[in-house]
Amino acid sequence: EGYRRFFSEPYYSRSLTNSLLVSIPATIASVLIGVPLAYIVTRYTIPGRPLIRAGVVITLLSPPFIGAYSWVVLLGRAGLVNQFLGNFGLHVPSIYGPVGLFFVFTITHYPFVFLVTSSAIRSIDQSVEDAARNLGSGEIKTLLTVLLPILIPSITAGALLSFMTILADFGTPMIIGESFRVLPTHIYGEFINELGGNATMASAMSMVLIAICLLALALQRYWA
């Protein structure tokens, strides 16, 4: 009965749609940021490379709800940035809602992709790239035809880690999501409700969340 209500009533199924609408784009954006950054930092000698690595790692040290609260302090309706720009008649878009969740999730989860990919790049034998260049392959062609196929399992592993962490995140949507309800916050609301919790629906929704994570894991392993 719990599963039937979840998939038939928009009140419940909308939280699943909202979770996927945020998790999938944020995962894709994390890959688009993390992979090129990992390649540049690992393969090229650029100024401040140790600081870049340290900055990425530091991003992972903060619990999600503290990071979300920090973005509210900066970009909230009465945040420091809006207060400063308000003196000049300017303002930035609200950090609340799906767009804010997408932004915060991307910033806080691309380090997973970065760390996994950079570790994989360092483990590749340099002679493979040298052989491709000796055969006339340029920089971009070597990257796309030699390195990328080798890195696909690591990239998908980092993407999977980001996706599952984003999908199960409770603190960030609770602080920034406002009325944009995702599965973890909806499960919490069903379990602990002022009018009496519904443990059956909370359990059914939790199983749906676990099933999605298992499906994502199976797809990653199949693709890799």
Protein backbone atom coordinates (compact mmCIF):
# COMPACT_ATOMS: atom_id res chain seq x y z
CA GLU A 1 0.00 0.00 0.00
CA GLY A 2 2.86 2.35 0.79
CA TYR A 3 4.51 1.79 -2.58
CA ARG A 4 1.18 2.15 -4.39
CA ARG A 5 0.51 5.50 -2.73
CA PHE A 6 4.05 6.69 -3.40
CA PHE A 7 3.92 6.13 -7.14
CA SER A 8 0.26 7.08 -7.63
CA GLU A 9 -0.03 10.23 -5.53
CA PRO A 10 1.90 13.32 -6.76
CA TYR A 11 2.30 14.47 -3.15
CA TYR A 12 4.78 11.64 -2.65
CA SER A 13 6.15 10.98 -6.15
CA ARG A 14 7.04 14.65 -6.66
CA SER A 15 9.79 14.34 -4.05
CA LEU A 16 11.41 11.62 -6.17
CA THR A 17 11.16 13.80 -9.27
CA ASN A 18 12.67 16.73 -7.39
CA SER A 19 15.54 14.57 -6.12
CA LEU A 20 16.41 13.40 -9.63
CA LEU A 21 16.02 16.90 -11.10
CA VAL A 22 18.72 18.13 -8.71
CA SER A 23 20.95 15.06 -8.36
CA ILE A 24 21.46 14.24 -12.04
CA PRO A 25 22.38 17.78 -13.27
CA ALA A 26 24.60 18.36 -10.22
CA THR A 27 26.39 15.06 -10.88
CA ILE A 28 26.93 15.97 -14.54
CA ALA A 29 28.24 19.41 -13.54
CA SER A 30 30.56 17.80 -10.98
CA VAL A 31 32.04 15.62 -13.72
CA LEU A 32 32.41 18.58 -16.10
CA ILE A 33 34.34 20.49 -13.43
CA GLY A 34 36.21 17.69 -11.69
CA VAL A 35 37.61 15.82 -14.70
CA PRO A 36 39.21 18.78 -16.58
CA LEU A 37 40.51 20.22 -13.30
CA ALA A 38 42.04 16.87 -12.35
CA TYR A 39 43.71 16.57 -15.76
CA ILE A 40 45.14 20.10 -15.68
CA VAL A 41 46.40 19.89 -12.10
CA THR A 42 47.90 16.41 -12.58
CA ARG A 43 49.43 16.75 -16.03
CA TYR A 44 50.62 20.39 -16.08
CA THR A 45 52.85 22.41 -13.80
CA ILE A 46 50.74 25.44 -12.95
CA PRO A 47 51.22 28.11 -10.26
CA GLY A 48 49.58 27.25 -6.97
CA ARG A 49 48.99 23.59 -7.77
CA PRO A 50 49.41 22.45 -4.13
CA LEU A 51 46.95 25.14 -3.04
CA ILE A 52 44.39 23.94 -5.57
CA ARG A 53 44.67 20.38 -4.29
CA ALA A 54 44.43 21.58 -0.69
CA GLY A 55 41.38 23.69 -1.50
CA VAL A 56 39.62 20.75 -3.09
CA VAL A 57 40.34 18.48 -0.10
CA ILE A 58 39.25 21.15 2.39
CA THR A 59 35.88 21.26 0.65
CA LEU A 60 35.27 17.68 1.78
CA LEU A 61 36.12 18.34 5.43
CA SER A 62 32.99 20.35 6.17
CA PRO A 63 29.73 18.51 6.97
CA PRO A 64 27.02 19.25 4.37
CA PHE A 65 24.75 21.25 6.67
CA ILE A 66 27.62 23.53 7.73
CA GLY A 67 28.49 24.19 4.09
CA ALA A 68 24.83 24.92 3.33
CA TYR A 69 24.59 27.30 6.25
CA SER A 70 27.76 29.06 5.09
CA TRP A 71 26.22 29.68 1.65
CA VAL A 72 23.13 31.09 3.35
CA VAL A 73 25.33 33.45 5.35
CA LEU A 74 26.99 34.57 2.10
CA LEU A 75 24.19 34.51 -0.46
CA GLY A 76 20.99 34.38 1.58
CA ARG A 77 18.36 37.09 1.34
CA ALA A 78 20.12 38.95 4.13
CA GLY A 79 23.53 37.46 3.38
CA LEU A 80 26.82 39.33 3.40
CA VAL A 81 27.05 39.55 -0.39
CA ASN A 82 23.52 40.85 -0.79
CA GLN A 83 24.06 43.39 1.98
CA PHE A 84 27.19 44.66 0.28
CA LEU A 85 25.68 44.77 -3.21
CA GLY A 86 22.54 46.37 -1.82
CA ASN A 87 24.55 49.52 -1.17
CA PHE A 88 24.94 49.81 -4.95
CA GLY A 89 21.37 48.80 -5.80
CA LEU A 90 22.42 45.29 -6.89
CA HIS A 91 21.55 41.80 -5.69
CA VAL A 92 22.34 38.20 -6.51
CA PRO A 93 19.73 35.48 -7.14
CA SER A 94 18.41 33.70 -4.08
CA ILE A 95 20.38 30.70 -2.87
CA TYR A 96 17.13 29.00 -1.88
CA GLY A 97 15.28 26.50 -4.04
CA PRO A 98 16.37 24.06 -6.77
CA VAL A 99 18.88 26.40 -8.44
CA GLY A 100 20.62 27.02 -5.14
CA LEU A 101 20.66 23.29 -4.38
CA PHE A 102 22.19 22.59 -7.79
CA PHE A 103 24.90 25.21 -7.20
CA VAL A 104 25.79 24.06 -3.68
CA PHE A 105 25.71 20.35 -4.59
CA THR A 106 28.02 20.96 -7.55
CA ILE A 107 30.51 22.99 -5.53
CA THR A 108 30.60 20.49 -2.66
CA HIS A 109 30.66 17.25 -4.68
CA TYR A 110 32.95 17.82 -7.65
CA PRO A 111 35.94 17.06 -5.34
CA PHE A 112 34.86 13.39 -5.34
CA VAL A 113 35.28 13.26 -9.11
CA PHE A 114 38.48 15.31 -8.93
CA LEU A 115 40.21 13.07 -6.38
CA VAL A 116 39.24 9.77 -8.03
CA THR A 117 40.16 10.98 -11.52
CA SER A 118 43.45 12.59 -10.53
CA SER A 119 44.49 9.40 -8.75
CA ALA A 120 43.68 7.40 -11.89
CA ILE A 121 45.62 9.81 -14.12
CA ARG A 122 48.72 9.50 -11.93
CA SER A 123 48.56 5.71 -12.20
CA ILE A 124 48.59 5.69 -16.04
CA ASP A 125 51.91 4.73 -17.59
CA GLN A 126 53.34 7.84 -19.26
CA SER A 127 54.76 5.67 -22.05
CA VAL A 128 51.23 5.08 -23.36
CA GLU A 129 50.82 8.79 -24.08
CA ASP A 130 54.38 9.06 -25.43
CA ALA A 131 53.70 6.22 -27.87
CA ALA A 132 50.53 7.95 -29.11
CA ARG A 133 52.39 11.22 -29.68
CA ASN A 134 55.25 9.44 -31.46
CA LEU A 135 52.66 8.03 -33.85
CA GLY A 136 51.49 11.55 -34.69
CA SER A 137 48.60 12.00 -32.26
CA GLY A 138 48.07 15.53 -30.97
CA GLU A 139 47.29 16.60 -27.42
CA ILE A 140 43.50 16.57 -27.77
CA LYS A 141 43.40 13.36 -29.81
CA THR A 142 45.62 11.59 -27.29
CA LEU A 143 43.34 12.73 -24.48
CA LEU A 144 40.16 11.56 -26.21
CA THR A 145 41.36 8.30 -27.76
CA VAL A 146 43.98 7.09 -25.28
CA LEU A 147 43.44 8.57 -21.82
CA LEU A 148 39.66 8.95 -21.73
CA PRO A 149 38.83 5.25 -22.36
CA ILE A 150 41.27 4.28 -19.60
CA LEU A 151 39.75 6.82 -17.22
CA ILE A 152 36.08 5.96 -17.86
CA PRO A 153 35.82 3.48 -14.90
CA SER A 154 37.34 6.04 -12.51
CA ILE A 155 35.20 8.90 -13.83
CA THR A 156 32.02 6.86 -13.51
CA ALA A 157 33.05 5.77 -10.01
CA GLY A 158 33.50 9.40 -8.97
CA ALA A 159 30.20 10.33 -10.60
CA LEU A 160 28.45 7.48 -8.80
CA LEU A 161 29.89 8.58 -5.47
CA SER A 162 28.73 12.14 -6.09
CA PHE A 163 25.26 11.07 -7.23
CA MET A 164 24.61 8.79 -4.27
CA THR A 165 25.87 11.38 -1.79
CA ILE A 166 23.76 14.13 -3.36
CA LEU A 167 20.66 11.93 -3.52
CA ALA A 168 20.94 10.97 0.16
CA ASP A 169 21.91 14.43 1.46
CA PHE A 170 19.50 15.65 4.12
CA GLY A 171 21.17 18.71 5.64
CA THR A 172 21.61 20.81 2.50
CA PRO A 173 18.00 20.49 1.18
CA MET A 174 16.68 21.02 4.71
CA ILE A 175 18.47 24.38 4.97
CA ILE A 176 18.41 25.63 1.36
CA GLY A 177 15.55 23.72 -0.25
CA GLU A 178 12.70 25.54 1.54
CA SER A 179 9.50 24.34 -0.18
CA PHE A 180 11.47 22.28 -2.74
CA ARG A 181 11.09 18.91 -1.05
CA VAL A 182 13.36 15.99 -1.95
CA LEU A 183 13.24 12.37 -0.82
CA PRO A 184 15.39 12.62 2.35
CA THR A 185 13.50 15.63 3.71
CA HIS A 186 10.15 14.08 2.79
CA ILE A 187 11.10 10.83 4.54
CA TYR A 188 12.01 12.79 7.65
CA GLY A 189 8.73 14.70 7.48
CA GLU A 190 6.74 11.48 7.19
CA PHE A 191 8.53 9.83 10.08
CA ILE A 192 8.39 12.83 12.42
CA ASN A 193 5.19 14.77 11.87
CA GLU A 194 3.39 17.16 14.20
CA LEU A 195 0.11 15.36 13.46
CA GLY A 196 1.56 11.89 13.93
CA GLY A 197 4.20 10.22 11.82
CA ASN A 198 3.58 7.64 9.12
CA ALA A 199 6.32 5.07 9.55
CA THR A 200 4.91 2.90 6.74
CA MET A 201 5.28 5.63 4.12
CA ALA A 202 8.67 6.63 5.51
CA SER A 203 9.86 3.03 5.17
CA ALA A 204 8.50 2.68 1.63
CA MET A 205 10.15 5.93 0.54
CA SER A 206 13.42 4.85 2.16
CA MET A 207 13.36 1.62 0.18
CA VAL A 208 12.78 3.59 -3.03
CA LEU A 209 15.82 5.71 -2.20
CA ILE A 210 17.93 2.60 -1.60
CA ALA A 211 16.66 1.01 -4.82
CA ILE A 212 17.72 4.05 -6.86
CA CYS A 213 21.21 3.93 -5.34
CA LEU A 214 21.48 0.20 -6.12
CA LEU A 215 20.33 0.83 -9.69
CA ALA A 216 22.93 3.58 -10.09
CA LEU A 217 25.61 1.23 -8.75
CA ALA A 218 24.58 -1.51 -11.18
CA LEU A 219 24.61 0.89 -14.14
CA GLN A 220 28.07 2.18 -13.18
CA ARG A 221 29.50 -1.32 -12.92
CA TYR A 222 27.91 -2.35 -16.21
CA TRP A 223 29.22 0.74 -18.02
CA ALA A 224 32.70 0.53 -16.49
